[in-house]
Amino acid sequence: MNNPSPKHLLKGTLYLDVLNLEEKTDQYFNESLFHENNEVFIDLSQTRFVQLNAIAQLLLLIESLHYCPIKI
C-alpha cells in the first residue's frame, strides 16, 4: 500500500495571524475531505511573526485534530 507524504499545513507562512490560519486550514480541510491521505504536518519552520490569538487558535485546532482520524 502506497503511503503518500503528509500535507504541509502553513508551509511558507511568514506572518501567522487568525486570517491566515483560517484561510490555510479551510483550504486544507476542503481539499482533504475527499482524499485518503488524512495526515497533516504543521510546518512553522519559516514563520517569523505570530499573533498570540493565532497561537491559541492553532493549539485548539491541534487539540481537536487529536480526536479526529487525521494524523498530526
Protein backbone atom coordinates (compact mmCIF):
# COMPACT_ATOMS: atom_id res chain seq x y z
CA MET A 1 0.00 0.00 0.00
CA ASN A 2 1.44 3.36 -1.05
CA ASN A 3 1.60 5.89 1.80
CA PRO A 4 1.87 9.43 0.39
CA SER A 5 3.64 12.13 2.34
CA PRO A 6 1.55 14.27 4.70
CA LYS A 7 0.14 17.62 3.68
CA HIS A 8 2.27 20.53 4.94
CA LEU A 9 -0.10 22.94 6.61
CA LEU A 10 1.14 26.55 7.00
CA LYS A 11 4.26 25.89 4.91
CA GLY A 12 5.86 29.15 3.81
CA THR A 13 3.76 31.32 6.11
CA LEU A 14 5.91 34.22 7.35
CA TYR A 15 3.26 36.07 9.35
CA LEU A 16 0.67 33.99 11.16
CA ASP A 17 -2.49 35.72 12.20
CA VAL A 18 -6.03 34.45 12.59
CA LEU A 19 -7.00 35.28 9.00
CA ASN A 20 -4.01 33.40 7.54
CA LEU A 21 -4.64 30.46 9.84
CA GLU A 22 -8.32 30.23 8.90
CA GLU A 23 -7.57 30.58 5.20
CA LYS A 24 -4.91 27.85 5.19
CA THR A 25 -6.88 25.43 7.38
CA ASP A 26 -10.13 25.93 5.45
CA GLN A 27 -8.28 25.28 2.21
CA TYR A 28 -6.68 22.10 3.59
CA PHE A 29 -9.85 20.65 5.09
CA ASN A 30 -11.89 21.38 1.95
CA GLU A 31 -9.27 19.51 -0.12
CA SER A 32 -8.75 16.62 2.30
CA LEU A 33 -12.38 15.64 2.71
CA PHE A 34 -12.27 13.59 -0.48
CA HIS A 35 -8.76 12.13 -0.26
CA GLU A 36 -7.43 9.10 1.56
CA ASN A 37 -4.35 10.93 2.84
CA ASN A 38 -5.51 12.28 6.19
CA GLU A 39 -2.10 13.19 7.54
CA VAL A 40 -1.06 16.74 8.23
CA PHE A 41 2.31 18.24 9.18
CA ILE A 42 2.01 21.67 10.75
CA ASP A 43 5.08 23.43 9.35
CA LEU A 44 6.05 26.59 11.22
CA SER A 45 9.71 26.49 10.17
CA GLN A 46 9.50 29.69 8.08
CA THR A 47 7.16 31.60 10.39
CA ARG A 48 8.73 34.77 11.80
CA PHE A 49 5.85 36.65 13.43
CA VAL A 50 2.81 35.20 15.17
CA GLN A 51 -0.15 36.88 16.83
CA LEU A 52 -0.98 35.47 20.25
CA ASN A 53 -4.62 34.80 19.37
CA ALA A 54 -3.44 32.80 16.33
CA ILE A 55 -1.30 30.63 18.63
CA ALA A 56 -4.30 29.98 20.86
CA GLN A 57 -6.46 29.09 17.87
CA LEU A 58 -3.73 26.81 16.48
CA LEU A 59 -3.50 24.97 19.79
CA LEU A 60 -7.26 24.46 19.83
CA LEU A 61 -7.08 23.16 16.26
CA ILE A 62 -4.34 20.68 17.18
CA GLU A 63 -6.34 19.51 20.16
CA SER A 64 -9.46 18.98 18.02
CA LEU A 65 -7.44 17.09 15.39
CA HIS A 66 -6.21 14.76 18.08
CA TYR A 67 -9.73 13.32 18.37
CA CYS A 68 -10.29 13.04 14.58
CA PRO A 69 -9.00 10.34 12.23
CA ILE A 70 -6.38 12.83 10.97
CA LYS A 71 -2.78 12.05 11.91
CA ILE A 72 -0.73 15.02 13.10
